[in-house]
Amino acid sequence: VSGMTQGPITNSLEWDGKSNGQVVPGGVYIYQIEAEDILFNGTVVIIN
């Protein structure tokens, strides 16, 4: 859906709830963070 950008503080990533500049529909999304060839997954719920 989207990549993440550097967050507002050191050691953080941020997502603005958009895909290609458009707000995503409400629902459940999966986040995937990768470091040292290890994937960390979880979910984020968007409520519009």
ModelCIF file with pLDDT and N, C-alpha, C, O atoms, coordinates in Angstrom:
data_MODEL
#
_entry.id   MODEL 
#
_entity.id                         1 
_entity.type                       polymer 
_entity.pdbx_number_of_molecules   1 
#
_entity_poly.entity_id                      1 
_entity_poly.type                           'polypeptide(L)' 
_entity_poly.nstd_linkage                   no 
_entity_poly.nstd_monomer                   no 
_entity_poly.pdbx_seq_one_letter_code       VSGMTQGPITNSLEWDGKSNGQVVPGGVYIYQIEAEDILFNGTVVIIN 
_entity_poly.pdbx_seq_one_letter_code_can   VSGMTQGPITNSLEWDGKSNGQVVPGGVYIYQIEAEDILFNGTVVIIN 
_entity_poly.pdbx_strand_id                 A 
#
loop_
_entity_poly_seq.entity_id 
_entity_poly_seq.num 
_entity_poly_seq.mon_id 
_entity_poly_seq.hetero 
1 1  VAL n 
1 2  SER n 
1 3  GLY n 
1 4  MET n 
1 5  THR n 
1 6  GLN n 
1 7  GLY n 
1 8  PRO n 
1 9  ILE n 
1 10 THR n 
1 11 ASN n 
1 12 SER n 
1 13 LEU n 
1 14 GLU n 
1 15 TRP n 
1 16 ASP n 
1 17 GLY n 
1 18 LYS n 
1 19 SER n 
1 20 ASN n 
1 21 GLY n 
1 22 GLN n 
1 23 VAL n 
1 24 VAL n 
1 25 PRO n 
1 26 GLY n 
1 27 GLY n 
1 28 VAL n 
1 29 TYR n 
1 30 ILE n 
1 31 TYR n 
1 32 GLN n 
1 33 ILE n 
1 34 GLU n 
1 35 ALA n 
1 36 GLU n 
1 37 ASP n 
1 38 ILE n 
1 39 LEU n 
1 40 PHE n 
1 41 ASN n 
1 42 GLY n 
1 43 THR n 
1 44 VAL n 
1 45 VAL n 
1 46 ILE n 
1 47 ILE n 
1 48 ASN n 
#
_struct_asym.id          A 
_struct_asym.entity_id   1 
#
loop_
_ma_qa_metric.id 
_ma_qa_metric.mode 
_ma_qa_metric.name 
_ma_qa_metric.software_group_id 
_ma_qa_metric.type 
1 global pLDDT . pLDDT 
2 local  pLDDT . pLDDT 
#
_ma_qa_metric_global.metric_id      1 
_ma_qa_metric_global.metric_value   96.48 
_ma_qa_metric_global.model_id       1 
_ma_qa_metric_global.ordinal_id     1 
#
loop_
_ma_qa_metric_local.label_asym_id 
_ma_qa_metric_local.label_comp_id 
_ma_qa_metric_local.label_seq_id 
_ma_qa_metric_local.metric_id 
_ma_qa_metric_local.metric_value 
_ma_qa_metric_local.model_id 
_ma_qa_metric_local.ordinal_id 
A VAL 1  2 98.00 1 1  
A SER 2  2 98.00 1 2  
A GLY 3  2 98.00 1 3  
A MET 4  2 98.00 1 4  
A THR 5  2 97.00 1 5  
A GLN 6  2 96.00 1 6  
A GLY 7  2 97.00 1 7  
A PRO 8  2 96.00 1 8  
A ILE 9  2 96.00 1 9  
A THR 10 2 94.00 1 10 
A ASN 11 2 96.00 1 11 
A SER 12 2 98.00 1 12 
A LEU 13 2 98.00 1 13 
A GLU 14 2 98.00 1 14 
A TRP 15 2 98.00 1 15 
A ASP 16 2 97.00 1 16 
A GLY 17 2 96.00 1 17 
A LYS 18 2 97.00 1 18 
A SER 19 2 97.00 1 19 
A ASN 20 2 96.00 1 20 
A GLY 21 2 95.00 1 21 
A GLN 22 2 97.00 1 22 
A VAL 23 2 96.00 1 23 
A VAL 24 2 97.00 1 24 
A PRO 25 2 96.00 1 25 
A GLY 26 2 96.00 1 26 
A GLY 27 2 97.00 1 27 
A VAL 28 2 98.00 1 28 
A TYR 29 2 98.00 1 29 
A ILE 30 2 98.00 1 30 
A TYR 31 2 98.00 1 31 
A GLN 32 2 98.00 1 32 
A ILE 33 2 98.00 1 33 
A GLU 34 2 97.00 1 34 
A ALA 35 2 96.00 1 35 
A GLU 36 2 95.00 1 36 
A ASP 37 2 94.00 1 37 
A ILE 38 2 95.00 1 38 
A LEU 39 2 96.00 1 39 
A PHE 40 2 96.00 1 40 
A ASN 41 2 97.00 1 41 
A GLY 42 2 98.00 1 42 
A THR 43 2 98.00 1 43 
A VAL 44 2 97.00 1 44 
A VAL 45 2 96.00 1 45 
A ILE 46 2 95.00 1 46 
A ILE 47 2 93.00 1 47 
A ASN 48 2 87.00 1 48 
#
loop_
_atom_site.group_PDB 
_atom_site.id 
_atom_site.type_symbol 
_atom_site.label_atom_id 
_atom_site.label_alt_id 
_atom_site.label_comp_id 
_atom_site.label_asym_id 
_atom_site.label_entity_id 
_atom_site.label_seq_id 
_atom_site.pdbx_PDB_ins_code 
_atom_site.Cartn_x 
_atom_site.Cartn_y 
_atom_site.Cartn_z 
_atom_site.occupancy 
_atom_site.B_iso_or_equiv 
_atom_site.pdbx_formal_charge 
_atom_site.auth_seq_id 
_atom_site.auth_comp_id 
_atom_site.auth_asym_id 
_atom_site.auth_atom_id 
_atom_site.pdbx_PDB_model_num 
ATOM 1   N N  . VAL A 1 1  ? 0.835   -1.196  0.000  1.00 98.00 ? 1  VAL A N  1 
ATOM 2   C CA . VAL A 1 1  ? 0.000   0.000   0.000  1.00 98.00 ? 1  VAL A CA 1 
ATOM 3   C C  . VAL A 1 1  ? 0.874   1.252   0.000  1.00 98.00 ? 1  VAL A C  1 
ATOM 4   O O  . VAL A 1 1  ? 0.606   2.214   -0.719 1.00 98.00 ? 1  VAL A O  1 
ATOM 5   N N  . SER A 1 2  ? 1.934   1.219   0.828  1.00 98.00 ? 2  SER A N  1 
ATOM 6   C CA . SER A 1 2  ? 2.786   2.391   0.980  1.00 98.00 ? 2  SER A CA 1 
ATOM 7   C C  . SER A 1 2  ? 4.090   1.996   1.663  1.00 98.00 ? 2  SER A C  1 
ATOM 8   O O  . SER A 1 2  ? 4.159   1.002   2.387  1.00 98.00 ? 2  SER A O  1 
ATOM 9   N N  . GLY A 1 3  ? 5.107   2.788   1.419  1.00 98.00 ? 3  GLY A N  1 
ATOM 10  C CA . GLY A 1 3  ? 6.328   2.669   2.192  1.00 98.00 ? 3  GLY A CA 1 
ATOM 11  C C  . GLY A 1 3  ? 6.220   3.550   3.417  1.00 98.00 ? 3  GLY A C  1 
ATOM 12  O O  . GLY A 1 3  ? 5.297   4.356   3.535  1.00 98.00 ? 3  GLY A O  1 
ATOM 13  N N  . MET A 1 4  ? 7.160   3.397   4.321  1.00 98.00 ? 4  MET A N  1 
ATOM 14  C CA . MET A 1 4  ? 7.220   4.271   5.490  1.00 98.00 ? 4  MET A CA 1 
ATOM 15  C C  . MET A 1 4  ? 8.380   5.241   5.311  1.00 98.00 ? 4  MET A C  1 
ATOM 16  O O  . MET A 1 4  ? 9.334   4.967   4.582  1.00 98.00 ? 4  MET A O  1 
ATOM 17  N N  . THR A 1 5  ? 8.281   6.363   5.981  1.00 97.00 ? 5  THR A N  1 
ATOM 18  C CA . THR A 1 5  ? 9.351   7.359   5.943  1.00 97.00 ? 5  THR A CA 1 
ATOM 19  C C  . THR A 1 5  ? 9.982   7.459   7.329  1.00 97.00 ? 5  THR A C  1 
ATOM 20  O O  . THR A 1 5  ? 9.458   6.932   8.310  1.00 97.00 ? 5  THR A O  1 
ATOM 21  N N  . GLN A 1 6  ? 11.114  8.145   7.383  1.00 96.00 ? 6  GLN A N  1 
ATOM 22  C CA . GLN A 1 6  ? 11.762  8.386   8.669  1.00 96.00 ? 6  GLN A CA 1 
ATOM 23  C C  . GLN A 1 6  ? 10.783  9.107   9.576  1.00 96.00 ? 6  GLN A C  1 
ATOM 24  O O  . GLN A 1 6  ? 10.121  10.055  9.155  1.00 96.00 ? 6  GLN A O  1 
ATOM 25  N N  . GLY A 1 7  ? 10.690  8.660   10.820 1.00 97.00 ? 7  GLY A N  1 
ATOM 26  C CA . GLY A 1 7  ? 9.760   9.255   11.773 1.00 97.00 ? 7  GLY A CA 1 
ATOM 27  C C  . GLY A 1 7  ? 10.282  10.547  12.367 1.00 97.00 ? 7  GLY A C  1 
ATOM 28  O O  . GLY A 1 7  ? 11.357  11.020  11.996 1.00 97.00 ? 7  GLY A O  1 
ATOM 29  N N  . PRO A 1 8  ? 9.526   11.113  13.283 1.00 96.00 ? 8  PRO A N  1 
ATOM 30  C CA . PRO A 1 8  ? 9.861   12.418  13.855 1.00 96.00 ? 8  PRO A CA 1 
ATOM 31  C C  . PRO A 1 8  ? 11.017  12.377  14.857 1.00 96.00 ? 8  PRO A C  1 
ATOM 32  O O  . PRO A 1 8  ? 11.577  13.417  15.204 1.00 96.00 ? 8  PRO A O  1 
ATOM 33  N N  . ILE A 1 9  ? 11.371  11.187  15.316 1.00 96.00 ? 9  ILE A N  1 
ATOM 34  C CA . ILE A 1 9  ? 12.491  11.056  16.248 1.00 96.00 ? 9  ILE A CA 1 
ATOM 35  C C  . ILE A 1 9  ? 13.439  9.977   15.744 1.00 96.00 ? 9  ILE A C  1 
ATOM 36  O O  . ILE A 1 9  ? 13.093  9.204   14.851 1.00 96.00 ? 9  ILE A O  1 
ATOM 37  N N  . THR A 1 10 ? 14.628  9.928   16.319 1.00 94.00 ? 10 THR A N  1 
ATOM 38  C CA . THR A 1 10 ? 15.585  8.888   15.965 1.00 94.00 ? 10 THR A CA 1 
ATOM 39  C C  . THR A 1 10 ? 14.974  7.525   16.246 1.00 94.00 ? 10 THR A C  1 
ATOM 40  O O  . THR A 1 10 ? 14.212  7.357   17.198 1.00 94.00 ? 10 THR A O  1 
ATOM 41  N N  . ASN A 1 11 ? 15.319  6.550   15.406 1.00 96.00 ? 11 ASN A N  1 
ATOM 42  C CA . ASN A 1 11 ? 14.821  5.179   15.546 1.00 96.00 ? 11 ASN A CA 1 
ATOM 43  C C  . ASN A 1 11 ? 13.303  5.101   15.501 1.00 96.00 ? 11 ASN A C  1 
ATOM 44  O O  . ASN A 1 11 ? 12.666  4.493   16.361 1.00 96.00 ? 11 ASN A O  1 
ATOM 45  N N  . SER A 1 12 ? 12.745  5.726   14.486 1.00 98.00 ? 12 SER A N  1 
ATOM 46  C CA . SER A 1 12 ? 11.304  5.626   14.273 1.00 98.00 ? 12 SER A CA 1 
ATOM 47  C C  . SER A 1 12 ? 11.002  5.675   12.771 1.00 98.00 ? 12 SER A C  1 
ATOM 48  O O  . SER A 1 12 ? 11.753  6.246   11.980 1.00 98.00 ? 12 SER A O  1 
ATOM 49  N N  . LEU A 1 13 ? 9.892   5.063   12.419 1.00 98.00 ? 13 LEU A N  1 
ATOM 50  C CA . LEU A 1 13 ? 9.349   5.125   11.065 1.00 98.00 ? 13 LEU A CA 1 
ATOM 51  C C  . LEU A 1 13 ? 7.922   5.639   11.172 1.00 98.00 ? 13 LEU A C  1 
ATOM 52  O O  . LEU A 1 13 ? 7.282   5.516   12.216 1.00 98.00 ? 13 LEU A O  1 
ATOM 53  N N  . GLU A 1 14 ? 7.429   6.221   10.071 1.00 98.00 ? 14 GLU A N  1 
ATOM 54  C CA . GLU A 1 14 ? 6.121   6.869   10.101 1.00 98.00 ? 14 GLU A CA 1 
ATOM 55  C C  . GLU A 1 14 ? 5.341   6.529   8.839  1.00 98.00 ? 14 GLU A C  1 
ATOM 56  O O  . GLU A 1 14 ? 5.913   6.398   7.757  1.00 98.00 ? 14 GLU A O  1 
ATOM 57  N N  . TRP A 1 15 ? 4.025   6.388   8.991  1.00 98.00 ? 15 TRP A N  1 
ATOM 58  C CA . TRP A 1 15 ? 3.109   6.240   7.860  1.00 98.00 ? 15 TRP A CA 1 
ATOM 59  C C  . TRP A 1 15 ? 1.987   7.236   8.038  1.00 98.00 ? 15 TRP A C  1 
ATOM 60  O O  . TRP A 1 15 ? 1.419   7.367   9.123  1.00 98.00 ? 15 TRP A O  1 
ATOM 61  N N  . ASP A 1 16 ? 1.670   7.938   6.964  1.00 97.00 ? 16 ASP A N  1 
ATOM 62  C CA . ASP A 1 16 ? 0.660   8.998   7.030  1.00 97.00 ? 16 ASP A CA 1 
ATOM 63  C C  . ASP A 1 16 ? -0.759  8.531   6.696  1.00 97.00 ? 16 ASP A C  1 
ATOM 64  O O  . ASP A 1 16 ? -1.657  9.359   6.539  1.00 97.00 ? 16 ASP A O  1 
ATOM 65  N N  . GLY A 1 17 ? -0.970  7.225   6.586  1.00 96.00 ? 17 GLY A N  1 
ATOM 66  C CA . GLY A 1 17 ? -2.304  6.708   6.295  1.00 96.00 ? 17 GLY A CA 1 
ATOM 67  C C  . GLY A 1 17 ? -2.737  6.910   4.860  1.00 96.00 ? 17 GLY A C  1 
ATOM 68  O O  . GLY A 1 17 ? -3.925  6.850   4.544  1.00 96.00 ? 17 GLY A O  1 
ATOM 69  N N  . LYS A 1 18 ? -1.755  7.155   3.982  1.00 97.00 ? 18 LYS A N  1 
ATOM 70  C CA . LYS A 1 18 ? -2.069  7.398   2.578  1.00 97.00 ? 18 LYS A CA 1 
ATOM 71  C C  . LYS A 1 18 ? -1.362  6.399   1.668  1.00 97.00 ? 18 LYS A C  1 
ATOM 72  O O  . LYS A 1 18 ? -0.348  5.800   2.026  1.00 97.00 ? 18 LYS A O  1 
ATOM 73  N N  . SER A 1 19 ? -1.933  6.246   0.486  1.00 97.00 ? 19 SER A N  1 
ATOM 74  C CA . SER A 1 19 ? -1.340  5.460   -0.585 1.00 97.00 ? 19 SER A CA 1 
ATOM 75  C C  . SER A 1 19 ? -1.402  6.302   -1.843 1.00 97.00 ? 19 SER A C  1 
ATOM 76  O O  . SER A 1 19 ? -2.485  6.695   -2.278 1.00 97.00 ? 19 SER A O  1 
ATOM 77  N N  . ASN A 1 20 ? -0.255  6.580   -2.427 1.00 96.00 ? 20 ASN A N  1 
ATOM 78  C CA . ASN A 1 20 ? -0.185  7.440   -3.624 1.00 96.00 ? 20 ASN A CA 1 
ATOM 79  C C  . ASN A 1 20 ? -0.874  8.782   -3.399 1.00 96.00 ? 20 ASN A C  1 
ATOM 80  O O  . ASN A 1 20 ? -1.539  9.303   -4.295 1.00 96.00 ? 20 ASN A O  1 
ATOM 81  N N  . GLY A 1 21 ? -0.711  9.337   -2.204 1.00 95.00 ? 21 GLY A N  1 
ATOM 82  C CA . GLY A 1 21 ? -1.246  10.656  -1.897 1.00 95.00 ? 21 GLY A CA 1 
ATOM 83  C C  . GLY A 1 21 ? -2.715  10.682  -1.502 1.00 95.00 ? 21 GLY A C  1 
ATOM 84  O O  . GLY A 1 21 ? -3.246  11.738  -1.160 1.00 95.00 ? 21 GLY A O  1 
ATOM 85  N N  . GLN A 1 22 ? -3.376  9.532   -1.546 1.00 97.00 ? 22 GLN A N  1 
ATOM 86  C CA . GLN A 1 22 ? -4.798  9.467   -1.200 1.00 97.00 ? 22 GLN A CA 1 
ATOM 87  C C  . GLN A 1 22 ? -4.973  8.722   0.119  1.00 97.00 ? 22 GLN A C  1 
ATOM 88  O O  . GLN A 1 22 ? -4.299  7.720   0.359  1.00 97.00 ? 22 GLN A O  1 
ATOM 89  N N  . VAL A 1 23 ? -5.870  9.202   0.973  1.00 96.00 ? 23 VAL A N  1 
ATOM 90  C CA . VAL A 1 23 ? -6.166  8.542   2.241  1.00 96.00 ? 23 VAL A CA 1 
ATOM 91  C C  . VAL A 1 23 ? -6.704  7.144   1.949  1.00 96.00 ? 23 VAL A C  1 
ATOM 92  O O  . VAL A 1 23 ? -7.572  6.982   1.092  1.00 96.00 ? 23 VAL A O  1 
ATOM 93  N N  . VAL A 1 24 ? -6.199  6.143   2.651  1.00 97.00 ? 24 VAL A N  1 
ATOM 94  C CA . VAL A 1 24 ? -6.646  4.771   2.429  1.00 97.00 ? 24 VAL A CA 1 
ATOM 95  C C  . VAL A 1 24 ? -8.018  4.556   3.052  1.00 97.00 ? 24 VAL A C  1 
ATOM 96  O O  . VAL A 1 24 ? -8.378  5.245   4.008  1.00 97.00 ? 24 VAL A O  1 
ATOM 97  N N  . PRO A 1 25 ? -8.785  3.612   2.524  1.00 96.00 ? 25 PRO A N  1 
ATOM 98  C CA . PRO A 1 25 ? -10.074 3.289   3.143  1.00 96.00 ? 25 PRO A CA 1 
ATOM 99  C C  . PRO A 1 25 ? -9.866  2.712   4.540  1.00 96.00 ? 25 PRO A C  1 
ATOM 100 O O  . PRO A 1 25 ? -8.811  2.151   4.836  1.00 96.00 ? 25 PRO A O  1 
ATOM 101 N N  . GLY A 1 26 ? -10.865 2.851   5.387  1.00 96.00 ? 26 GLY A N  1 
ATOM 102 C CA . GLY A 1 26 ? -10.792 2.254   6.711  1.00 96.00 ? 26 GLY A CA 1 
ATOM 103 C C  . GLY A 1 26 ? -10.639 0.751   6.605  1.00 96.00 ? 26 GLY A C  1 
ATOM 104 O O  . GLY A 1 26 ? -11.158 0.130   5.677  1.00 96.00 ? 26 GLY A O  1 
ATOM 105 N N  . GLY A 1 27 ? -9.925  0.164   7.557  1.00 97.00 ? 27 GLY A N  1 
ATOM 106 C CA . GLY A 1 27 ? -9.739  -1.279  7.567  1.00 97.00 ? 27 GLY A CA 1 
ATOM 107 C C  . GLY A 1 27 ? -8.467  -1.659  8.287  1.00 97.00 ? 27 GLY A C  1 
ATOM 108 O O  . GLY A 1 27 ? -7.822  -0.830  8.929  1.00 97.00 ? 27 GLY A O  1 
ATOM 109 N N  . VAL A 1 28 ? -8.118  -2.919  8.171  1.00 98.00 ? 28 VAL A N  1 
ATOM 110 C CA . VAL A 1 28 ? -6.922  -3.450  8.812  1.00 98.00 ? 28 VAL A CA 1 
ATOM 111 C C  . VAL A 1 28 ? -5.797  -3.521  7.785  1.00 98.00 ? 28 VAL A C  1 
ATOM 112 O O  . VAL A 1 28 ? -5.992  -3.989  6.663  1.00 98.00 ? 28 VAL A O  1 
ATOM 113 N N  . TYR A 1 29 ? -4.623  -3.052  8.185  1.00 98.00 ? 29 TYR A N  1 
ATOM 114 C CA . TYR A 1 29 ? -3.434  -3.072  7.333  1.00 98.00 ? 29 TYR A CA 1 
ATOM 115 C C  . TYR A 1 29 ? -2.299  -3.745  8.101  1.00 98.00 ? 29 TYR A C  1 
ATOM 116 O O  . TYR A 1 29 ? -2.257  -3.723  9.331  1.00 98.00 ? 29 TYR A O  1 
ATOM 117 N N  . ILE A 1 30 ? -1.401  -4.330  7.359  1.00 98.00 ? 30 ILE A N  1 
ATOM 118 C CA . ILE A 1 30 ? -0.247  -5.011  7.947  1.00 98.00 ? 30 ILE A CA 1 
ATOM 119 C C  . ILE A 1 30 ? 0.968   -4.111  7.830  1.00 98.00 ? 30 ILE A C  1 
ATOM 120 O O  . ILE A 1 30 ? 1.246   -3.569  6.760  1.00 98.00 ? 30 ILE A O  1 
ATOM 121 N N  . TYR A 1 31 ? 1.693   -3.949  8.933  1.00 98.00 ? 31 TYR A N  1 
ATOM 122 C CA . TYR A 1 31 ? 2.972   -3.249  8.826  1.00 98.00 ? 31 TYR A CA 1 
ATOM 123 C C  . TYR A 1 31 ? 4.075   -4.288  8.809  1.00 98.00 ? 31 TYR A C  1 
ATOM 124 O O  . TYR A 1 31 ? 3.983   -5.328  9.461  1.00 98.00 ? 31 TYR A O  1 
ATOM 125 N N  . GLN A 1 32 ? 5.115   -3.989  8.054  1.00 98.00 ? 32 GLN A N  1 
ATOM 126 C CA . GLN A 1 32 ? 6.259   -4.884  7.948  1.00 98.00 ? 32 GLN A CA 1 
ATOM 127 C C  . GLN A 1 32 ? 7.520   -4.036  8.069  1.00 98.00 ? 32 GLN A C  1 
ATOM 128 O O  . GLN A 1 32 ? 7.804   -3.196  7.214  1.00 98.00 ? 32 GLN A O  1 
ATOM 129 N N  . ILE A 1 33 ? 8.263   -4.265  9.131  1.00 98.00 ? 33 ILE A N  1 
ATOM 130 C CA . ILE A 1 33 ? 9.498   -3.528  9.372  1.00 98.00 ? 33 ILE A CA 1 
ATOM 131 C C  . ILE A 1 33 ? 10.648  -4.527  9.276  1.00 98.00 ? 33 ILE A C  1 
ATOM 132 O O  . ILE A 1 33 ? 10.603  -5.595  9.886  1.00 98.00 ? 33 ILE A O  1 
ATOM 133 N N  . GLU A 1 34 ? 11.676  -4.175  8.509  1.00 97.00 ? 34 GLU A N  1 
ATOM 134 C CA . GLU A 1 34 ? 12.798  -5.079  8.304  1.00 97.00 ? 34 GLU A CA 1 
ATOM 135 C C  . GLU A 1 34 ? 14.079  -4.449  8.821  1.00 97.00 ? 34 GLU A C  1 
ATOM 136 O O  . GLU A 1 34 ? 14.376  -3.286  8.547  1.00 97.00 ? 34 GLU A O  1 
ATOM 137 N N  . ALA A 1 35 ? 14.839  -5.249  9.580  1.00 96.00 ? 35 ALA A N  1 
ATOM 138 C CA . ALA A 1 35 ? 16.145  -4.840  10.087 1.00 96.00 ? 35 ALA A CA 1 
ATOM 139 C C  . ALA A 1 35 ? 17.006  -6.087  10.226 1.00 96.00 ? 35 ALA A C  1 
ATOM 140 O O  . ALA A 1 35 ? 16.562  -7.098  10.769 1.00 96.00 ? 35 ALA A O  1 
ATOM 141 N N  . GLU A 1 36 ? 18.221  -6.013  9.742  1.00 95.00 ? 36 GLU A N  1 
ATOM 142 C CA . GLU A 1 36 ? 19.172  -7.120  9.834  1.00 95.00 ? 36 GLU A CA 1 
ATOM 143 C C  . GLU A 1 36 ? 18.571  -8.422  9.304  1.00 95.00 ? 36 GLU A C  1 
ATOM 144 O O  . GLU A 1 36 ? 18.744  -9.479  9.912  1.00 95.00 ? 36 GLU A O  1 
ATOM 145 N N  . ASP A 1 37 ? 17.871  -8.350  8.180  1.00 94.00 ? 37 ASP A N  1 
ATOM 146 C CA . ASP A 1 37 ? 17.234  -9.503  7.537  1.00 94.00 ? 37 ASP A CA 1 
ATOM 147 C C  . ASP A 1 37 ? 16.179  -10.183 8.402  1.00 94.00 ? 37 ASP A C  1 
ATOM 148 O O  . ASP A 1 37 ? 15.856  -11.351 8.183  1.00 94.00 ? 37 ASP A O  1 
ATOM 149 N N  . ILE A 1 38 ? 15.643  -9.466  9.379  1.00 95.00 ? 38 ILE A N  1 
ATOM 150 C CA . ILE A 1 38 ? 14.552  -9.974  10.207 1.00 95.00 ? 38 ILE A CA 1 
ATOM 151 C C  . ILE A 1 38 ? 13.320  -9.120  9.944  1.00 95.00 ? 38 ILE A C  1 
ATOM 152 O O  . ILE A 1 38 ? 13.403  -7.892  9.927  1.00 95.00 ? 38 ILE A O  1 
ATOM 153 N N  . LEU A 1 39 ? 12.169  -9.776  9.737  1.00 96.00 ? 39 LEU A N  1 
ATOM 154 C CA . LEU A 1 39 ? 10.910  -9.072  9.506  1.00 96.00 ? 39 LEU A CA 1 
ATOM 155 C C  . LEU A 1 39 ? 10.089  -9.044  10.789 1.00 96.00 ? 39 LEU A C  1 
ATOM 156 O O  . LEU A 1 39 ? 9.925   -10.059 11.465 1.00 96.00 ? 39 LEU A O  1 
ATOM 157 N N  . PHE A 1 40 ? 9.587   -7.880  11.102 1.00 96.00 ? 40 PHE A N  1 
ATOM 158 C CA . PHE A 1 40 ? 8.681   -7.690  12.228 1.00 96.00 ? 40 PHE A CA 1 
ATOM 159 C C  . PHE A 1 40 ? 7.335   -7.283  11.635 1.00 96.00 ? 40 PHE A C  1 
ATOM 160 O O  . PHE A 1 40 ? 7.262   -6.301  10.897 1.00 96.00 ? 40 PHE A O  1 
ATOM 161 N N  . ASN A 1 41 ? 6.279   -8.014  11.942 1.00 97.00 ? 41 ASN A N  1 
ATOM 162 C CA . ASN A 1 41 ? 4.947   -7.765  11.371 1.00 97.00 ? 41 ASN A CA 1 
ATOM 163 C C  . ASN A 1 41 ? 3.937   -7.495  12.473 1.00 97.00 ? 41 ASN A C  1 
ATOM 164 O O  . ASN A 1 41 ? 4.082   -7.945  13.610 1.00 97.00 ? 41 ASN A O  1 
ATOM 165 N N  . GLY A 1 42 ? 2.922   -6.756  12.101 1.00 98.00 ? 42 GLY A N  1 
ATOM 166 C CA . GLY A 1 42 ? 1.795   -6.515  12.993 1.00 98.00 ? 42 GLY A CA 1 
ATOM 167 C C  . GLY A 1 42 ? 0.687   -5.864  12.199 1.00 98.00 ? 42 GLY A C  1 
ATOM 168 O O  . GLY A 1 42 ? 0.763   -5.780  10.974 1.00 98.00 ? 42 GLY A O  1 
ATOM 169 N N  . THR A 1 43 ? -0.333  -5.406  12.879 1.00 98.00 ? 43 THR A N  1 
ATOM 170 C CA . THR A 1 43 ? -1.464  -4.792  12.188 1.00 98.00 ? 43 THR A CA 1 
ATOM 171 C C  . THR A 1 43 ? -1.726  -3.382  12.712 1.00 98.00 ? 43 THR A C  1 
ATOM 172 O O  . THR A 1 43 ? -1.400  -3.027  13.845 1.00 98.00 ? 43 THR A O  1 
ATOM 173 N N  . VAL A 1 44 ? -2.329  -2.607  11.826 1.00 97.00 ? 44 VAL A N  1 
ATOM 174 C CA . VAL A 1 44 ? -2.764  -1.245  12.133 1.00 97.00 ? 44 VAL A CA 1 
ATOM 175 C C  . VAL A 1 44 ? -4.211  -1.144  11.649 1.00 97.00 ? 44 VAL A C  1 
ATOM 176 O O  . VAL A 1 44 ? -4.536  -1.592  10.550 1.00 97.00 ? 44 VAL A O  1 
ATOM 177 N N  . VAL A 1 45 ? -5.060  -0.566  12.461 1.00 96.00 ? 45 VAL A N  1 
ATOM 178 C CA . VAL A 1 45 ? -6.456  -0.377  12.079 1.00 96.00 ? 45 VAL A CA 1 
ATOM 179 C C  . VAL A 1 45 ? -6.676  1.101   11.754 1.00 96.00 ? 45 VAL A C  1 
ATOM 180 O O  . VAL A 1 45 ? -6.374  1.985   12.555 1.00 96.00 ? 45 VAL A O  1 
ATOM 181 N N  . ILE A 1 46 ? -7.210  1.341   10.556 1.00 95.00 ? 46 ILE A N  1 
ATOM 182 C CA . ILE A 1 46 ? -7.530  2.704   10.115 1.00 95.00 ? 46 ILE A CA 1 
ATOM 183 C C  . ILE A 1 46 ? -9.047  2.880   10.228 1.00 95.00 ? 46 ILE A C  1 
ATOM 184 O O  . ILE A 1 46 ? -9.821  2.091   9.685  1.00 95.00 ? 46 ILE A O  1 
ATOM 185 N N  . ILE A 1 47 ? -9.446  3.913   10.932 1.00 93.00 ? 47 ILE A N  1 
ATOM 186 C CA . ILE A 1 47 ? -10.864 4.228   11.060 1.00 93.00 ? 47 ILE A CA 1 
ATOM 187 C C  . ILE A 1 47 ? -11.085 5.608   10.454 1.00 93.00 ? 47 ILE A C  1 
ATOM 188 O O  . ILE A 1 47 ? -10.519 6.594   10.927 1.00 93.00 ? 47 ILE A O  1 
ATOM 189 N N  . ASN A 1 48 ? -11.895 5.680   9.421  1.00 87.00 ? 48 ASN A N  1 
ATOM 190 C CA . ASN A 1 48 ? -12.174 6.960   8.763  1.00 87.00 ? 48 ASN A CA 1 
ATOM 191 C C  . ASN A 1 48 ? -13.467 7.539   9.268  1.00 87.00 ? 48 ASN A C  1 
ATOM 192 O O  . ASN A 1 48 ? -13.873 8.616   8.832  1.00 87.00 ? 48 ASN A O  1 
#
